[in-house]
PDB file of N, CA and C in Angstrom:
ATOM      1  N   MET A   1      13.550 -43.349 -23.124  1.00  0.00           N
ATOM      2  CA  MET A   1      13.005 -42.193 -23.791  1.00  0.00           C
ATOM      3  C   MET A   1      11.838 -41.598 -22.994  1.00  0.00           C
ATOM      4  N   LYS A   2      10.977 -42.467 -22.476  1.00  0.00           N
ATOM      5  CA  LYS A   2       9.829 -41.984 -21.710  1.00  0.00           C
ATOM      6  C   LYS A   2      10.279 -41.320 -20.416  1.00  0.00           C
ATOM      7  N   ASN A   3      11.316 -41.883 -19.785  1.00  0.00           N
ATOM      8  CA  ASN A   3      11.832 -41.290 -18.551  1.00  0.00           C
ATOM      9  C   ASN A   3      12.386 -39.900 -18.805  1.00  0.00           C
ATOM     10  N   LEU A   4      13.076 -39.718 -19.918  1.00  0.00           N
ATOM     11  CA  LEU A   4      13.636 -38.434 -20.270  1.00  0.00           C
ATOM     12  C   LEU A   4      12.522 -37.413 -20.502  1.00  0.00           C
ATOM     13  N   LEU A   5      11.458 -37.860 -21.155  1.00  0.00           N
ATOM     14  CA  LEU A   5      10.320 -36.988 -21.398  1.00  0.00           C
ATOM     15  C   LEU A   5       9.637 -36.596 -20.084  1.00  0.00           C
ATOM     16  N   LYS A   6       9.503 -37.553 -19.160  1.00  0.00           N
ATOM     17  CA  LYS A   6       8.882 -37.258 -17.862  1.00  0.00           C
ATOM     18  C   LYS A   6       9.714 -36.264 -17.066  1.00  0.00           C
ATOM     19  N   GLU A   7      11.053 -36.434 -17.117  1.00  0.00           N
ATOM     20  CA  GLU A   7      11.933 -35.500 -16.404  1.00  0.00           C
ATOM     21  C   GLU A   7      11.800 -34.103 -16.967  1.00  0.00           C
ATOM     22  N   LYS A   8      11.757 -34.005 -18.290  1.00  0.00           N
ATOM     23  CA  LYS A   8      11.657 -32.703 -18.921  1.00  0.00           C
ATOM     24  C   LYS A   8      10.333 -32.033 -18.564  1.00  0.00           C
ATOM     25  N   ASN A   9       9.240 -32.775 -18.582  1.00  0.00           N
ATOM     26  CA  ASN A   9       7.935 -32.222 -18.232  1.00  0.00           C
ATOM     27  C   ASN A   9       7.892 -31.804 -16.763  1.00  0.00           C
ATOM     28  N   SER A  10       8.498 -32.586 -15.883  1.00  0.00           N
ATOM     29  CA  SER A  10       8.470 -32.229 -14.460  1.00  0.00           C
ATOM     30  C   SER A  10       9.320 -30.993 -14.194  1.00  0.00           C
ATOM     31  N   GLN A  11      10.451 -30.844 -14.916  1.00  0.00           N
ATOM     32  CA  GLN A  11      11.286 -29.664 -14.739  1.00  0.00           C
ATOM     33  C   GLN A  11      10.577 -28.417 -15.244  1.00  0.00           C
ATOM     34  N   SER A  12       9.931 -28.509 -16.392  1.00  0.00           N
ATOM     35  CA  SER A  12       9.258 -27.335 -16.936  1.00  0.00           C
ATOM     36  C   SER A  12       8.062 -26.942 -16.072  1.00  0.00           C
ATOM     37  N   SER A  13       7.384 -27.929 -15.467  1.00  0.00           N
ATOM     38  CA  SER A  13       6.255 -27.578 -14.608  1.00  0.00           C
ATOM     39  C   SER A  13       6.734 -26.920 -13.325  1.00  0.00           C
ATOM     40  N   GLN A  14       7.925 -27.291 -12.842  1.00  0.00           N
ATOM     41  CA  GLN A  14       8.465 -26.637 -11.653  1.00  0.00           C
ATOM     42  C   GLN A  14       8.903 -25.215 -11.967  1.00  0.00           C
ATOM     43  N   GLU A  15       9.462 -24.994 -13.157  1.00  0.00           N
ATOM     44  CA  GLU A  15       9.888 -23.650 -13.532  1.00  0.00           C
ATOM     45  C   GLU A  15       8.694 -22.741 -13.779  1.00  0.00           C
ATOM     46  N   ASP A  16       7.615 -23.280 -14.309  1.00  0.00           N
ATOM     47  CA  ASP A  16       6.438 -22.484 -14.627  1.00  0.00           C
ATOM     48  C   ASP A  16       5.503 -22.318 -13.434  1.00  0.00           C
ATOM     49  N   ALA A  17       5.781 -23.015 -12.341  1.00  0.00           N
ATOM     50  CA  ALA A  17       4.898 -22.929 -11.179  1.00  0.00           C
ATOM     51  C   ALA A  17       4.927 -21.502 -10.642  1.00  0.00           C
ATOM     52  N   PRO A  18       3.771 -20.897 -10.506  1.00  0.00           N
ATOM     53  CA  PRO A  18       3.746 -19.516 -10.026  1.00  0.00           C
ATOM     54  C   PRO A  18       4.107 -19.452  -8.545  1.00  0.00           C
ATOM     55  N   GLY A  19       4.778 -18.381  -8.184  1.00  0.00           N
ATOM     56  CA  GLY A  19       5.114 -18.156  -6.785  1.00  0.00           C
ATOM     57  C   GLY A  19       4.018 -17.343  -6.132  1.00  0.00           C
ATOM     58  N   MET A  20       4.414 -16.513  -5.224  1.00  0.00           N
ATOM     59  CA  MET A  20       3.458 -15.622  -4.572  1.00  0.00           C
ATOM     60  C   MET A  20       2.934 -14.618  -5.596  1.00  0.00           C
ATOM     61  N   PRO A  21       1.670 -14.284  -5.553  1.00  0.00           N
ATOM     62  CA  PRO A  21       1.156 -13.304  -6.509  1.00  0.00           C
ATOM     63  C   PRO A  21       1.747 -11.912  -6.289  1.00  0.00           C
ATOM     64  N   ILE A  22       2.089 -11.614  -5.046  1.00  0.00           N
ATOM     65  CA  ILE A  22       2.726 -10.338  -4.731  1.00  0.00           C
ATOM     66  C   ILE A  22       4.078 -10.675  -4.106  1.00  0.00           C
ATOM     67  N   PRO A  23       5.175 -10.204  -4.707  1.00  0.00           N
ATOM     68  CA  PRO A  23       6.489 -10.536  -4.159  1.00  0.00           C
ATOM     69  C   PRO A  23       6.752  -9.846  -2.833  1.00  0.00           C
ATOM     70  N   ARG A  24       7.851 -10.213  -2.211  1.00  0.00           N
ATOM     71  CA  ARG A  24       8.187  -9.683  -0.881  1.00  0.00           C
ATOM     72  C   ARG A  24       8.307  -8.160  -0.879  1.00  0.00           C
ATOM     73  N   LYS A  25       8.924  -7.585  -1.912  1.00  0.00           N
ATOM     74  CA  LYS A  25       9.031  -6.121  -1.983  1.00  0.00           C
ATOM     75  C   LYS A  25       7.659  -5.474  -2.155  1.00  0.00           C
ATOM     76  N   GLY A  26       6.763  -6.148  -2.867  1.00  0.00           N
ATOM     77  CA  GLY A  26       5.411  -5.635  -3.026  1.00  0.00           C
ATOM     78  C   GLY A  26       4.659  -5.617  -1.705  1.00  0.00           C
ATOM     79  N   ILE A  27       4.850  -6.669  -0.905  1.00  0.00           N
ATOM     80  CA  ILE A  27       4.199  -6.717   0.410  1.00  0.00           C
ATOM     81  C   ILE A  27       4.767  -5.638   1.314  1.00  0.00           C
ATOM     82  N   LEU A  28       6.079  -5.397   1.205  1.00  0.00           N
ATOM     83  CA  LEU A  28       6.698  -4.324   1.985  1.00  0.00           C
ATOM     84  C   LEU A  28       6.120  -2.968   1.573  1.00  0.00           C
ATOM     85  N   LEU A  29       5.944  -2.755   0.267  1.00  0.00           N
ATOM     86  CA  LEU A  29       5.332  -1.503  -0.198  1.00  0.00           C
ATOM     87  C   LEU A  29       3.890  -1.370   0.285  1.00  0.00           C
ATOM     88  N   LEU A  30       3.156  -2.477   0.333  1.00  0.00           N
ATOM     89  CA  LEU A  30       1.788  -2.436   0.858  1.00  0.00           C
ATOM     90  C   LEU A  30       1.788  -1.995   2.324  1.00  0.00           C
ATOM     91  N   ALA A  31       2.677  -2.573   3.111  1.00  0.00           N
ATOM     92  CA  ALA A  31       2.743  -2.221   4.534  1.00  0.00           C
ATOM     93  C   ALA A  31       3.131  -0.760   4.715  1.00  0.00           C
ATOM     94  N   ILE A  32       4.099  -0.293   3.943  1.00  0.00           N
ATOM     95  CA  ILE A  32       4.510   1.112   4.029  1.00  0.00           C
ATOM     96  C   ILE A  32       3.358   2.024   3.609  1.00  0.00           C
ATOM     97  N   GLY A  33       2.665   1.653   2.545  1.00  0.00           N
ATOM     98  CA  GLY A  33       1.535   2.467   2.075  1.00  0.00           C
ATOM     99  C   GLY A  33       0.421   2.557   3.099  1.00  0.00           C
ATOM    100  N   PHE A  34       0.095   1.429   3.745  1.00  0.00           N
ATOM    101  CA  PHE A  34      -0.941   1.476   4.781  1.00  0.00           C
ATOM    102  C   PHE A  34      -0.481   2.307   5.977  1.00  0.00           C
ATOM    103  N   GLY A  35       0.798   2.223   6.310  1.00  0.00           N
ATOM    104  CA  GLY A  35       1.331   3.038   7.401  1.00  0.00           C
ATOM    105  C   GLY A  35       1.257   4.526   7.085  1.00  0.00           C
ATOM    106  N   VAL A  36       1.562   4.891   5.838  1.00  0.00           N
ATOM    107  CA  VAL A  36       1.481   6.299   5.425  1.00  0.00           C
ATOM    108  C   VAL A  36       0.038   6.779   5.457  1.00  0.00           C
ATOM    109  N   MET A  37      -0.896   5.920   5.048  1.00  0.00           N
ATOM    110  CA  MET A  37      -2.311   6.314   5.099  1.00  0.00           C
ATOM    111  C   MET A  37      -2.773   6.517   6.536  1.00  0.00           C
ATOM    112  N   VAL A  38      -2.353   5.650   7.440  1.00  0.00           N
ATOM    113  CA  VAL A  38      -2.710   5.818   8.857  1.00  0.00           C
ATOM    114  C   VAL A  38      -2.132   7.126   9.386  1.00  0.00           C
ATOM    115  N   LEU A  39      -0.892   7.441   8.996  1.00  0.00           N
ATOM    116  CA  LEU A  39      -0.290   8.714   9.409  1.00  0.00           C
ATOM    117  C   LEU A  39      -1.119   9.895   8.900  1.00  0.00           C
ATOM    118  N   GLY A  40      -1.615   9.806   7.667  1.00  0.00           N
ATOM    119  CA  GLY A  40      -2.459  10.872   7.132  1.00  0.00           C
ATOM    120  C   GLY A  40      -3.746  11.045   7.912  1.00  0.00           C
ATOM    121  N   PHE A  41      -4.360   9.936   8.332  1.00  0.00           N
ATOM    122  CA  PHE A  41      -5.586  10.045   9.137  1.00  0.00           C
ATOM    123  C   PHE A  41      -5.284  10.589  10.527  1.00  0.00           C
ATOM    124  N   ILE A  42      -4.126  10.255  11.071  1.00  0.00           N
ATOM    125  CA  ILE A  42      -3.739  10.810  12.376  1.00  0.00           C
ATOM    126  C   ILE A  42      -3.528  12.312  12.263  1.00  0.00           C
ATOM    127  N   LEU A  43      -2.951  12.767  11.147  1.00  0.00           N
ATOM    128  CA  LEU A  43      -2.766  14.205  10.945  1.00  0.00           C
ATOM    129  C   LEU A  43      -4.103  14.937  10.847  1.00  0.00           C
ATOM    130  N   MET A  44      -5.145  14.241  10.440  1.00  0.00           N
ATOM    131  CA  MET A  44      -6.451  14.867  10.258  1.00  0.00           C
ATOM    132  C   MET A  44      -7.232  15.012  11.570  1.00  0.00           C
ATOM    133  N   ILE A  45      -6.781  14.365  12.627  1.00  0.00           N
ATOM    134  CA  ILE A  45      -7.506  14.372  13.901  1.00  0.00           C
ATOM    135  C   ILE A  45      -7.451  15.757  14.550  1.00  0.00           C
ATOM    136  N   GLY A  46      -8.535  16.107  15.198  1.00  0.00           N
ATOM    137  CA  GLY A  46      -8.559  17.321  16.024  1.00  0.00           C
ATOM    138  C   GLY A  46      -9.116  18.525  15.312  1.00  0.00           C
ATOM    139  N   GLY A  47      -8.993  19.665  15.967  1.00  0.00           N
ATOM    140  CA  GLY A  47      -9.418  20.927  15.382  1.00  0.00           C
ATOM    141  C   GLY A  47     -10.782  21.400  15.826  1.00  0.00           C
ATOM    142  N   GLY A  48     -11.476  20.578  16.567  1.00  0.00           N
ATOM    143  CA  GLY A  48     -12.798  20.983  17.035  1.00  0.00           C
ATOM    144  C   GLY A  48     -12.710  21.845  18.281  1.00  0.00           C
ATOM    145  N   SER A  49     -13.834  22.358  18.702  1.00  0.00           N
ATOM    146  CA  SER A  49     -13.901  23.192  19.895  1.00  0.00           C
ATOM    147  C   SER A  49     -14.593  22.413  21.006  1.00  0.00           C
ATOM    148  N   ASP A  50     -14.103  22.594  22.231  1.00  0.00           N
ATOM    149  CA  ASP A  50     -14.736  21.948  23.376  1.00  0.00           C
ATOM    150  C   ASP A  50     -16.030  22.647  23.769  1.00  0.00           C
ATOM    151  N   ASP A  51     -16.101  23.939  23.523  1.00  0.00           N
ATOM    152  CA  ASP A  51     -17.278  24.734  23.867  1.00  0.00           C
ATOM    153  C   ASP A  51     -18.187  24.835  22.645  1.00  0.00           C
ATOM    154  N   PRO A  52     -19.429  24.343  22.717  1.00  0.00           N
ATOM    155  CA  PRO A  52     -20.312  24.392  21.544  1.00  0.00           C
ATOM    156  C   PRO A  52     -20.715  25.820  21.151  1.00  0.00           C
ATOM    157  N   ASP A  53     -20.571  26.798  22.051  1.00  0.00           N
ATOM    158  CA  ASP A  53     -20.930  28.176  21.727  1.00  0.00           C
ATOM    159  C   ASP A  53     -19.802  28.914  21.012  1.00  0.00           C
ATOM    160  N   HIS A  54     -18.638  28.324  20.963  1.00  0.00           N
ATOM    161  CA  HIS A  54     -17.476  28.978  20.366  1.00  0.00           C
ATOM    162  C   HIS A  54     -17.038  28.174  19.127  1.00  0.00           C
ATOM    163  N   PHE A  55     -17.009  28.852  17.971  1.00  0.00           N
ATOM    164  CA  PHE A  55     -16.586  28.190  16.737  1.00  0.00           C
ATOM    165  C   PHE A  55     -15.077  28.304  16.585  1.00  0.00           C
ATOM    166  N   SER A  56     -14.425  27.204  16.267  1.00  0.00           N
ATOM    167  CA  SER A  56     -12.978  27.185  16.122  1.00  0.00           C
ATOM    168  C   SER A  56     -12.607  27.008  14.652  1.00  0.00           C
ATOM    169  N   TYR A  57     -11.802  27.945  14.156  1.00  0.00           N
ATOM    170  CA  TYR A  57     -11.332  27.848  12.778  1.00  0.00           C
ATOM    171  C   TYR A  57     -10.119  26.931  12.645  1.00  0.00           C
ATOM    172  N   ALA A  58      -9.706  26.313  13.742  1.00  0.00           N
ATOM    173  CA  ALA A  58      -8.534  25.443  13.722  1.00  0.00           C
ATOM    174  C   ALA A  58      -8.763  24.206  12.860  1.00  0.00           C
ATOM    175  N   MET A  59     -10.026  23.851  12.621  1.00  0.00           N
ATOM    176  CA  MET A  59     -10.263  22.676  11.784  1.00  0.00           C
ATOM    177  C   MET A  59     -10.025  22.961  10.313  1.00  0.00           C
ATOM    178  N   PHE A  60      -9.823  24.199   9.945  1.00  0.00           N
ATOM    179  CA  PHE A  60      -9.579  24.556   8.547  1.00  0.00           C
ATOM    180  C   PHE A  60      -8.135  24.958   8.295  1.00  0.00           C
ATOM    181  N   ASP A  61      -7.208  24.507   9.122  1.00  0.00           N
ATOM    182  CA  ASP A  61      -5.813  24.890   8.916  1.00  0.00           C
ATOM    183  C   ASP A  61      -5.162  24.028   7.834  1.00  0.00           C
ATOM    184  N   PHE A  62      -3.951  24.373   7.478  1.00  0.00           N
ATOM    185  CA  PHE A  62      -3.220  23.734   6.382  1.00  0.00           C
ATOM    186  C   PHE A  62      -3.037  22.238   6.607  1.00  0.00           C
ATOM    187  N   ARG A  63      -2.742  21.853   7.824  1.00  0.00           N
ATOM    188  CA  ARG A  63      -2.459  20.446   8.119  1.00  0.00           C
ATOM    189  C   ARG A  63      -3.662  19.557   7.828  1.00  0.00           C
ATOM    190  N   ARG A  64      -4.851  19.995   8.191  1.00  0.00           N
ATOM    191  CA  ARG A  64      -6.050  19.167   8.043  1.00  0.00           C
ATOM    192  C   ARG A  64      -6.673  19.243   6.655  1.00  0.00           C
ATOM    193  N   THR A  65      -6.506  20.357   5.955  1.00  0.00           N
ATOM    194  CA  THR A  65      -7.168  20.498   4.661  1.00  0.00           C
ATOM    195  C   THR A  65      -6.281  20.195   3.467  1.00  0.00           C
ATOM    196  N   VAL A  66      -4.958  20.319   3.612  1.00  0.00           N
ATOM    197  CA  VAL A  66      -4.058  20.109   2.479  1.00  0.00           C
ATOM    198  C   VAL A  66      -3.077  18.977   2.735  1.00  0.00           C
ATOM    199  N   LEU A  67      -2.340  19.066   3.826  1.00  0.00           N
ATOM    200  CA  LEU A  67      -1.266  18.111   4.084  1.00  0.00           C
ATOM    201  C   LEU A  67      -1.795  16.689   4.294  1.00  0.00           C
ATOM    202  N   SER A  68      -2.800  16.542   5.119  1.00  0.00           N
ATOM    203  CA  SER A  68      -3.326  15.216   5.430  1.00  0.00           C
ATOM    204  C   SER A  68      -3.883  14.498   4.191  1.00  0.00           C
ATOM    205  N   PRO A  69      -4.702  15.143   3.353  1.00  0.00           N
ATOM    206  CA  PRO A  69      -5.162  14.446   2.144  1.00  0.00           C
ATOM    207  C   PRO A  69      -4.028  14.081   1.189  1.00  0.00           C
ATOM    208  N   LEU A  70      -2.989  14.927   1.108  1.00  0.00           N
ATOM    209  CA  LEU A  70      -1.852  14.592   0.252  1.00  0.00           C
ATOM    210  C   LEU A  70      -1.084  13.388   0.786  1.00  0.00           C
ATOM    211  N   VAL A  71      -0.943  13.290   2.102  1.00  0.00           N
ATOM    212  CA  VAL A  71      -0.263  12.139   2.702  1.00  0.00           C
ATOM    213  C   VAL A  71      -1.078  10.869   2.466  1.00  0.00           C
ATOM    214  N   ILE A  72      -2.387  10.947   2.611  1.00  0.00           N
ATOM    215  CA  ILE A  72      -3.244   9.790   2.361  1.00  0.00           C
ATOM    216  C   ILE A  72      -3.160   9.376   0.888  1.00  0.00           C
ATOM    217  N   LEU A  73      -3.165  10.339  -0.011  1.00  0.00           N
ATOM    218  CA  LEU A  73      -3.043  10.044  -1.438  1.00  0.00           C
ATOM    219  C   LEU A  73      -1.698   9.380  -1.749  1.00  0.00           C
ATOM    220  N   ALA A  74      -0.631   9.840  -1.116  1.00  0.00           N
ATOM    221  CA  ALA A  74       0.681   9.207  -1.304  1.00  0.00           C
ATOM    222  C   ALA A  74       0.658   7.757  -0.817  1.00  0.00           C
ATOM    223  N   GLY A  75      -0.051   7.491   0.272  1.00  0.00           N
ATOM    224  CA  GLY A  75      -0.186   6.124   0.760  1.00  0.00           C
ATOM    225  C   GLY A  75      -0.960   5.245  -0.202  1.00  0.00           C
ATOM    226  N   VAL A  76      -2.012   5.779  -0.779  1.00  0.00           N
ATOM    227  CA  VAL A  76      -2.815   5.019  -1.746  1.00  0.00           C
ATOM    228  C   VAL A  76      -1.980   4.699  -2.990  1.00  0.00           C
ATOM    229  N   VAL A  77      -1.204   5.671  -3.459  1.00  0.00           N
ATOM    230  CA  VAL A  77      -0.344   5.445  -4.624  1.00  0.00           C
ATOM    231  C   VAL A  77       0.699   4.376  -4.309  1.00  0.00           C
ATOM    232  N   THR A  78       1.266   4.413  -3.106  1.00  0.00           N
ATOM    233  CA  THR A  78       2.253   3.406  -2.705  1.00  0.00           C
ATOM    234  C   THR A  78       1.631   2.016  -2.671  1.00  0.00           C
ATOM    235  N   VAL A  79       0.414   1.898  -2.170  1.00  0.00           N
ATOM    236  CA  VAL A  79      -0.275   0.606  -2.151  1.00  0.00           C
ATOM    237  C   VAL A  79      -0.532   0.111  -3.572  1.00  0.00           C
ATOM    238  N   ILE A  80      -0.959   0.983  -4.459  1.00  0.00           N
ATOM    239  CA  ILE A  80      -1.220   0.593  -5.850  1.00  0.00           C
ATOM    240  C   ILE A  80       0.071   0.135  -6.523  1.00  0.00           C
ATOM    241  N   VAL A  81       1.165   0.840  -6.279  1.00  0.00           N
ATOM    242  CA  VAL A  81       2.454   0.435  -6.848  1.00  0.00           C
ATOM    243  C   VAL A  81       2.858  -0.928  -6.294  1.00  0.00           C
ATOM    244  N   GLY A  82       2.630  -1.153  -5.011  1.00  0.00           N
ATOM    245  CA  GLY A  82       2.961  -2.444  -4.404  1.00  0.00           C
ATOM    246  C   GLY A  82       2.166  -3.589  -4.991  1.00  0.00           C
ATOM    247  N   ILE A  83       0.932  -3.331  -5.380  1.00  0.00           N
ATOM    248  CA  ILE A  83       0.090  -4.380  -5.974  1.00  0.00           C
ATOM    249  C   ILE A  83       0.450  -4.601  -7.444  1.00  0.00           C
ATOM    250  N   MET A  84       0.667  -3.532  -8.179  1.00  0.00           N
ATOM    251  CA  MET A  84       0.861  -3.641  -9.615  1.00  0.00           C
ATOM    252  C   MET A  84       2.297  -3.950 -10.028  1.00  0.00           C
ATOM    253  N   ARG A  85       3.233  -3.869  -9.130  1.00  0.00           N
ATOM    254  CA  ARG A  85       4.650  -4.087  -9.431  1.00  0.00           C
ATOM    255  C   ARG A  85       4.880  -5.533  -9.887  1.00  0.00           C
ATOM    256  N   LYS A  86       5.586  -5.704 -10.994  1.00  0.00           N
ATOM    257  CA  LYS A  86       5.885  -7.032 -11.510  1.00  0.00           C
ATOM    258  C   LYS A  86       7.129  -7.572 -10.840  1.00  0.00           C
ATOM    259  N   PRO A  87       7.124  -8.835 -10.450  1.00  0.00           N
ATOM    260  CA  PRO A  87       8.339  -9.409  -9.872  1.00  0.00           C
ATOM    261  C   PRO A  87       9.403  -9.632 -10.942  1.00  0.00           C
ATOM    262  N   LYS A  88      10.669  -9.477 -10.541  1.00  0.00           N
ATOM    263  CA  LYS A  88      11.756  -9.725 -11.492  1.00  0.00           C
ATOM    264  C   LYS A  88      11.961 -11.215 -11.651  1.00  0.00           C
ATOM    265  N   GLN A  89      12.175 -11.644 -12.843  1.00  0.00           N
ATOM    266  CA  GLN A  89      12.352 -13.068 -13.145  1.00  0.00           C
ATOM    267  C   GLN A  89      13.780 -13.486 -12.965  1.00  0.00           C
TER     268      GLN A  89
END
């Protein structure tokens, strides 16, 4: 009887043992999200003028003021989804 009880307790402890806190798909989403954020920062690079006497309006174009922040925001959302996603049982 005691052996049967020990087996049952050991089986239930193995089933209840937590795995990784973030599953493999969550880690993949984290990597994709960080990659998207890096892409957004790369899109933000540039737009300055080489000549200090000449002002360049290129730093205020659509890519740097609208597109890049939206890409970075999409990366942040992807990272949050990767962290908060529940693993399937």
